[in-house]
Amino acid sequence: MVHKHHVAGYDNFVSFMKDLKSNGQVMNVLFTGAKLETGISWCGDCVEAAPFIEAALEKAPAESHFIYVDVGDRPSWKDMNNPFRKDTNTHLSVIPTLVRWKNPQRLEGEQCCKADLLEMFFSDED
């Protein structure tokens, strides 16, 4: 079973990734907008991509990690100095963004709604 984690904010993300003991297991990270009081993200593209990502996650290796990362509210995300945008490990320009941590595999924006790309992303262990 895929190990799912939820992290909110940049500092918490950096700390979590530093402390996560993956034991060489695949780490997939989804960067998405914070959820509103309704439980739905302010980011419409993130909301649209969520069911496609969840369905494709079934193809992920059983002993892998999936980390949901909340990049903040809309004003925080739109700030060009947002640390998720500046960090060379994340280098985000759009959400949703799905990355294989410390590897080149990456899907951004509309790509996160394409079932075939998502299936390839999760079934490719490296």
N, C-alpha and C. Protein backbone atom coordinates (compact mmCIF):
# COMPACT_ATOMS: atom_id res chain seq x y z
N MET A 1 0.84 -1.19 0.00
CA MET A 1 0.00 0.00 0.00
C MET A 1 0.88 1.25 0.00
N VAL A 2 0.53 2.22 -0.82
CA VAL A 2 1.26 3.48 -0.90
C VAL A 2 1.13 4.21 0.43
N HIS A 3 2.23 4.73 0.93
CA HIS A 3 2.23 5.51 2.17
C HIS A 3 1.89 6.95 1.81
N LYS A 4 0.74 7.44 2.27
CA LYS A 4 0.31 8.81 1.95
C LYS A 4 0.60 9.75 3.11
N HIS A 5 1.07 10.94 2.77
CA HIS A 5 1.42 11.96 3.76
C HIS A 5 0.82 13.29 3.31
N HIS A 6 0.51 14.16 4.26
CA HIS A 6 0.01 15.51 3.97
C HIS A 6 0.88 16.51 4.71
N VAL A 7 1.34 17.52 3.99
CA VAL A 7 2.20 18.55 4.57
C VAL A 7 1.69 19.91 4.10
N ALA A 8 1.63 20.87 5.03
CA ALA A 8 1.19 22.22 4.67
C ALA A 8 2.30 23.23 4.93
N GLY A 9 2.62 23.99 3.91
CA GLY A 9 3.61 25.06 4.04
C GLY A 9 5.03 24.64 3.71
N TYR A 10 5.81 25.62 3.31
CA TYR A 10 7.17 25.37 2.86
C TYR A 10 8.08 24.83 3.96
N ASP A 11 8.11 25.50 5.10
CA ASP A 11 9.00 25.07 6.18
C ASP A 11 8.67 23.65 6.64
N ASN A 12 7.38 23.36 6.75
CA ASN A 12 6.97 22.00 7.14
C ASN A 12 7.38 20.99 6.08
N PHE A 13 7.28 21.38 4.81
CA PHE A 13 7.67 20.50 3.71
C PHE A 13 9.17 20.18 3.79
N VAL A 14 9.99 21.21 3.93
CA VAL A 14 11.44 21.01 3.99
C VAL A 14 11.80 20.10 5.16
N SER A 15 11.21 20.35 6.30
CA SER A 15 11.47 19.54 7.48
C SER A 15 11.01 18.10 7.28
N PHE A 16 9.83 17.93 6.72
CA PHE A 16 9.28 16.59 6.48
C PHE A 16 10.18 15.79 5.55
N MET A 17 10.60 16.40 4.44
CA MET A 17 11.43 15.69 3.47
C MET A 17 12.78 15.33 4.06
N LYS A 18 13.31 16.19 4.92
CA LYS A 18 14.59 15.92 5.56
C LYS A 18 14.47 14.73 6.52
N ASP A 19 13.34 14.64 7.22
CA ASP A 19 13.14 13.60 8.23
C ASP A 19 12.56 12.30 7.69
N LEU A 20 11.99 12.33 6.50
CA LEU A 20 11.35 11.13 5.95
C LEU A 20 12.38 10.04 5.68
N LYS A 21 12.17 8.91 6.25
CA LYS A 21 13.05 7.75 6.03
C LYS A 21 12.40 6.90 4.95
N SER A 22 12.80 7.12 3.72
CA SER A 22 12.17 6.42 2.60
C SER A 22 12.79 5.06 2.34
N ASN A 23 13.97 4.80 2.92
CA ASN A 23 14.66 3.52 2.70
C ASN A 23 14.77 3.17 1.21
N GLY A 24 15.04 4.18 0.41
CA GLY A 24 15.21 3.96 -1.02
C GLY A 24 13.91 3.80 -1.80
N GLN A 25 12.78 3.94 -1.12
CA GLN A 25 11.49 3.81 -1.80
C GLN A 25 11.20 5.06 -2.62
N VAL A 26 10.41 4.90 -3.66
CA VAL A 26 10.02 6.00 -4.53
C VAL A 26 9.22 7.02 -3.73
N MET A 27 9.52 8.31 -3.96
CA MET A 27 8.77 9.40 -3.32
C MET A 27 8.18 10.29 -4.41
N ASN A 28 6.85 10.29 -4.50
CA ASN A 28 6.13 11.15 -5.43
C ASN A 28 5.51 12.28 -4.64
N VAL A 29 5.63 13.50 -5.15
CA VAL A 29 5.17 14.68 -4.42
C VAL A 29 4.20 15.47 -5.30
N LEU A 30 3.01 15.74 -4.76
CA LEU A 30 2.02 16.56 -5.44
C LEU A 30 1.93 17.90 -4.75
N PHE A 31 2.21 18.98 -5.48
CA PHE A 31 2.09 20.33 -4.96
C PHE A 31 0.74 20.88 -5.41
N THR A 32 -0.04 21.35 -4.44
CA THR A 32 -1.40 21.76 -4.72
C THR A 32 -1.78 22.96 -3.84
N GLY A 33 -2.86 23.64 -4.20
CA GLY A 33 -3.33 24.78 -3.43
C GLY A 33 -4.01 24.36 -2.13
N ALA A 34 -3.94 25.24 -1.14
CA ALA A 34 -4.57 24.96 0.16
C ALA A 34 -6.07 24.77 -0.01
N LYS A 35 -6.63 24.02 0.91
CA LYS A 35 -8.08 23.81 0.89
C LYS A 35 -8.79 24.94 1.62
N LEU A 36 -9.94 25.31 1.12
CA LEU A 36 -10.78 26.31 1.76
C LEU A 36 -11.59 25.64 2.87
N GLU A 37 -12.41 26.42 3.56
CA GLU A 37 -13.26 25.88 4.63
C GLU A 37 -14.18 24.77 4.10
N THR A 38 -14.48 24.79 2.82
CA THR A 38 -15.35 23.80 2.20
C THR A 38 -14.67 22.45 2.03
N GLY A 39 -13.35 22.41 2.24
CA GLY A 39 -12.59 21.18 2.05
C GLY A 39 -12.10 21.02 0.62
N ILE A 40 -12.35 22.01 -0.22
CA ILE A 40 -11.94 21.98 -1.63
C ILE A 40 -10.87 23.05 -1.83
N SER A 41 -9.87 22.75 -2.63
CA SER A 41 -8.79 23.68 -2.89
C SER A 41 -9.29 24.94 -3.60
N TRP A 42 -8.65 26.06 -3.34
CA TRP A 42 -8.96 27.30 -4.04
C TRP A 42 -8.51 27.20 -5.51
N CYS A 43 -7.61 26.25 -5.79
CA CYS A 43 -7.04 26.10 -7.13
C CYS A 43 -7.93 25.19 -7.98
N GLY A 44 -8.65 25.77 -8.91
CA GLY A 44 -9.56 25.00 -9.77
C GLY A 44 -8.85 23.91 -10.56
N ASP A 45 -7.63 24.19 -11.03
CA ASP A 45 -6.88 23.17 -11.78
C ASP A 45 -6.53 21.99 -10.88
N CYS A 46 -6.24 22.27 -9.61
CA CYS A 46 -5.91 21.21 -8.65
C CYS A 46 -7.14 20.33 -8.39
N VAL A 47 -8.29 20.98 -8.27
CA VAL A 47 -9.55 20.26 -8.04
C VAL A 47 -9.85 19.36 -9.24
N GLU A 48 -9.65 19.90 -10.44
CA GLU A 48 -9.91 19.14 -11.67
C GLU A 48 -8.98 17.94 -11.79
N ALA A 49 -7.72 18.10 -11.40
CA ALA A 49 -6.74 17.02 -11.55
C ALA A 49 -6.86 15.94 -10.47
N ALA A 50 -7.39 16.28 -9.32
CA ALA A 50 -7.40 15.36 -8.17
C ALA A 50 -7.95 13.97 -8.48
N PRO A 51 -9.13 13.83 -9.12
CA PRO A 51 -9.62 12.47 -9.35
C PRO A 51 -8.75 11.66 -10.32
N PHE A 52 -8.13 12.33 -11.28
CA PHE A 52 -7.24 11.64 -12.22
C PHE A 52 -5.99 11.14 -11.49
N ILE A 53 -5.46 11.98 -10.61
CA ILE A 53 -4.27 11.61 -9.86
C ILE A 53 -4.58 10.46 -8.92
N GLU A 54 -5.70 10.56 -8.21
CA GLU A 54 -6.08 9.49 -7.27
C GLU A 54 -6.27 8.15 -8.00
N ALA A 55 -6.89 8.17 -9.15
CA ALA A 55 -7.10 6.93 -9.92
C ALA A 55 -5.76 6.34 -10.36
N ALA A 56 -4.87 7.18 -10.84
CA ALA A 56 -3.57 6.71 -11.34
C ALA A 56 -2.66 6.25 -10.21
N LEU A 57 -2.88 6.77 -9.03
CA LEU A 57 -2.06 6.40 -7.87
C LEU A 57 -2.15 4.91 -7.58
N GLU A 58 -3.20 4.28 -8.05
CA GLU A 58 -3.36 2.82 -7.89
C GLU A 58 -2.21 2.07 -8.58
N LYS A 59 -1.56 2.70 -9.56
CA LYS A 59 -0.47 2.07 -10.31
C LYS A 59 0.89 2.26 -9.64
N ALA A 60 0.92 3.07 -8.59
CA ALA A 60 2.20 3.35 -7.92
C ALA A 60 2.70 2.10 -7.20
N PRO A 61 4.02 1.96 -7.10
CA PRO A 61 4.56 0.81 -6.37
C PRO A 61 3.99 0.77 -4.94
N ALA A 62 3.69 -0.42 -4.47
CA ALA A 62 3.07 -0.58 -3.15
C ALA A 62 3.91 0.04 -2.05
N GLU A 63 5.20 -0.11 -2.14
CA GLU A 63 6.08 0.45 -1.10
C GLU A 63 6.68 1.77 -1.57
N SER A 64 5.81 2.72 -1.88
CA SER A 64 6.26 4.06 -2.27
C SER A 64 5.57 5.07 -1.36
N HIS A 65 6.01 6.31 -1.48
CA HIS A 65 5.43 7.40 -0.69
C HIS A 65 4.76 8.40 -1.63
N PHE A 66 3.60 8.90 -1.20
CA PHE A 66 2.90 9.96 -1.94
C PHE A 66 2.67 11.09 -0.96
N ILE A 67 3.27 12.24 -1.25
CA ILE A 67 3.22 13.37 -0.35
C ILE A 67 2.40 14.49 -0.98
N TYR A 68 1.27 14.81 -0.34
CA TYR A 68 0.45 15.95 -0.75
C TYR A 68 1.03 17.18 -0.07
N VAL A 69 1.39 18.20 -0.85
CA VAL A 69 1.97 19.41 -0.27
C VAL A 69 1.10 20.61 -0.61
N ASP A 70 0.62 21.25 0.44
CA ASP A 70 -0.20 22.45 0.34
C ASP A 70 0.75 23.64 0.23
N VAL A 71 0.74 24.34 -0.93
CA VAL A 71 1.66 25.46 -1.16
C VAL A 71 1.14 26.77 -0.58
N GLY A 72 -0.05 26.76 0.00
CA GLY A 72 -0.60 27.97 0.62
C GLY A 72 -1.85 28.46 -0.06
N ASP A 73 -2.33 29.59 0.44
CA ASP A 73 -3.53 30.20 -0.13
C ASP A 73 -3.18 30.91 -1.43
N ARG A 74 -4.19 31.38 -2.12
CA ARG A 74 -3.98 32.00 -3.43
C ARG A 74 -2.99 33.17 -3.40
N PRO A 75 -3.14 34.15 -2.47
CA PRO A 75 -2.17 35.26 -2.46
C PRO A 75 -0.74 34.81 -2.20
N SER A 76 -0.57 33.82 -1.32
CA SER A 76 0.79 33.31 -1.04
C SER A 76 1.38 32.66 -2.28
N TRP A 77 0.57 31.86 -2.97
CA TRP A 77 1.06 31.17 -4.16
C TRP A 77 1.39 32.16 -5.27
N LYS A 78 0.55 33.17 -5.45
CA LYS A 78 0.75 34.13 -6.54
C LYS A 78 1.97 35.03 -6.32
N ASP A 79 2.48 35.10 -5.09
CA ASP A 79 3.67 35.88 -4.79
C ASP A 79 4.87 35.24 -5.49
N MET A 80 5.52 35.97 -6.37
CA MET A 80 6.65 35.42 -7.13
C MET A 80 7.84 35.07 -6.22
N ASN A 81 7.81 35.53 -4.98
CA ASN A 81 8.87 35.18 -4.03
C ASN A 81 8.48 34.00 -3.15
N ASN A 82 7.38 33.33 -3.49
CA ASN A 82 6.96 32.14 -2.75
C ASN A 82 8.14 31.17 -2.73
N PRO A 83 8.50 30.64 -1.55
CA PRO A 83 9.68 29.77 -1.49
C PRO A 83 9.58 28.50 -2.34
N PHE A 84 8.38 28.02 -2.60
CA PHE A 84 8.24 26.85 -3.48
C PHE A 84 8.68 27.19 -4.90
N ARG A 85 8.51 28.45 -5.28
CA ARG A 85 8.94 28.89 -6.62
C ARG A 85 10.46 29.04 -6.68
N LYS A 86 11.07 29.46 -5.59
CA LYS A 86 12.50 29.78 -5.55
C LYS A 86 13.40 28.58 -5.27
N ASP A 87 12.89 27.59 -4.55
CA ASP A 87 13.68 26.43 -4.15
C ASP A 87 14.10 25.63 -5.38
N THR A 88 15.38 25.34 -5.52
CA THR A 88 15.87 24.60 -6.69
C THR A 88 15.40 23.15 -6.68
N ASN A 89 14.99 22.62 -5.53
CA ASN A 89 14.47 21.26 -5.47
C ASN A 89 13.03 21.16 -5.94
N THR A 90 12.27 22.24 -5.79
CA THR A 90 10.86 22.21 -6.19
C THR A 90 10.65 22.98 -7.49
N HIS A 91 11.23 24.16 -7.58
CA HIS A 91 11.18 25.03 -8.77
C HIS A 91 9.80 25.03 -9.42
N LEU A 92 8.78 25.38 -8.64
CA LEU A 92 7.42 25.38 -9.15
C LEU A 92 7.09 26.65 -9.91
N SER A 93 6.34 26.49 -10.98
CA SER A 93 5.81 27.66 -11.70
C SER A 93 4.30 27.54 -11.87
N VAL A 94 3.78 26.35 -11.64
CA VAL A 94 2.34 26.12 -11.82
C VAL A 94 1.92 25.02 -10.83
N ILE A 95 0.66 25.10 -10.40
CA ILE A 95 0.08 24.00 -9.63
C ILE A 95 -1.18 23.57 -10.35
N PRO A 96 -1.51 22.30 -10.31
CA PRO A 96 -0.79 21.24 -9.63
C PRO A 96 0.50 20.88 -10.36
N THR A 97 1.48 20.42 -9.58
CA THR A 97 2.70 19.85 -10.13
C THR A 97 2.97 18.56 -9.37
N LEU A 98 3.27 17.52 -10.12
CA LEU A 98 3.56 16.21 -9.56
C LEU A 98 4.99 15.88 -9.93
N VAL A 99 5.83 15.57 -8.94
CA VAL A 99 7.23 15.27 -9.21
C VAL A 99 7.64 13.96 -8.55
N ARG A 100 8.59 13.30 -9.16
CA ARG A 100 9.28 12.18 -8.55
C ARG A 100 10.47 12.83 -7.86
N TRP A 101 10.51 12.79 -6.54
CA TRP A 101 11.51 13.52 -5.77
C TRP A 101 12.92 13.09 -6.15
N LYS A 102 13.75 14.10 -6.42
CA LYS A 102 15.16 13.92 -6.78
C LYS A 102 15.35 13.15 -8.09
N ASN A 103 14.34 13.20 -8.96
CA ASN A 103 14.40 12.57 -10.28
C ASN A 103 13.78 13.54 -11.29
N PRO A 104 14.00 13.32 -12.57
CA PRO A 104 13.48 14.25 -13.58
C PRO A 104 11.99 14.12 -13.89
N GLN A 105 11.34 13.00 -13.47
CA GLN A 105 9.93 12.83 -13.79
C GLN A 105 9.11 13.96 -13.18
N ARG A 106 8.25 14.56 -14.03
CA ARG A 106 7.49 15.73 -13.59
C ARG A 106 6.29 15.92 -14.50
N LEU A 107 5.12 16.17 -13.92
CA LEU A 107 3.93 16.55 -14.66
C LEU A 107 3.44 17.86 -14.08
N GLU A 108 3.03 18.77 -14.98
CA GLU A 108 2.61 20.10 -14.53
C GLU A 108 1.28 20.49 -15.14
N GLY A 109 0.48 21.22 -14.36
CA GLY A 109 -0.77 21.79 -14.85
C GLY A 109 -1.68 20.78 -15.50
N GLU A 110 -2.03 21.03 -16.77
CA GLU A 110 -2.97 20.18 -17.51
C GLU A 110 -2.50 18.73 -17.66
N GLN A 111 -1.19 18.52 -17.63
CA GLN A 111 -0.66 17.15 -17.73
C GLN A 111 -1.18 16.28 -16.59
N CYS A 112 -1.51 16.89 -15.46
CA CYS A 112 -2.00 16.15 -14.29
C CYS A 112 -3.44 15.66 -14.47
N CYS A 113 -4.07 16.01 -15.58
CA CYS A 113 -5.43 15.54 -15.91
C CYS A 113 -5.41 14.48 -17.01
N LYS A 114 -4.25 14.09 -17.43
CA LYS A 114 -4.13 13.13 -18.53
C LYS A 114 -3.83 11.74 -17.97
N ALA A 115 -4.84 10.87 -18.03
CA ALA A 115 -4.75 9.54 -17.43
C ALA A 115 -3.54 8.75 -17.94
N ASP A 116 -3.26 8.84 -19.25
CA ASP A 116 -2.14 8.06 -19.80
C ASP A 116 -0.80 8.54 -19.26
N LEU A 117 -0.62 9.86 -19.14
CA LEU A 117 0.63 10.39 -18.59
C LEU A 117 0.78 10.03 -17.12
N LEU A 118 -0.31 10.12 -16.39
CA LEU A 118 -0.28 9.78 -14.97
C LEU A 118 0.03 8.31 -14.75
N GLU A 119 -0.57 7.46 -15.57
CA GLU A 119 -0.31 6.02 -15.45
C GLU A 119 1.16 5.72 -15.71
N MET A 120 1.73 6.36 -16.73
CA MET A 120 3.15 6.17 -17.02
C MET A 120 4.00 6.69 -15.87
N PHE A 121 3.62 7.87 -15.34
CA PHE A 121 4.36 8.47 -14.23
C PHE A 121 4.45 7.51 -13.05
N PHE A 122 3.30 6.97 -12.65
CA PHE A 122 3.28 6.12 -11.46
C PHE A 122 3.81 4.71 -11.69
N SER A 123 3.70 4.21 -12.90
CA SER A 123 4.16 2.84 -13.15
C SER A 123 5.66 2.78 -13.44
N ASP A 124 6.26 3.92 -13.77
CA ASP A 124 7.69 3.98 -14.05
C ASP A 124 8.43 4.23 -12.74
N GLU A 125 9.14 3.22 -12.25
CA GLU A 125 9.82 3.35 -10.96
C GLU A 125 11.09 4.17 -11.02
N ASP A 126 11.63 4.42 -12.16
CA ASP A 126 12.77 5.32 -12.39
C ASP A 126 13.34 5.13 -13.73
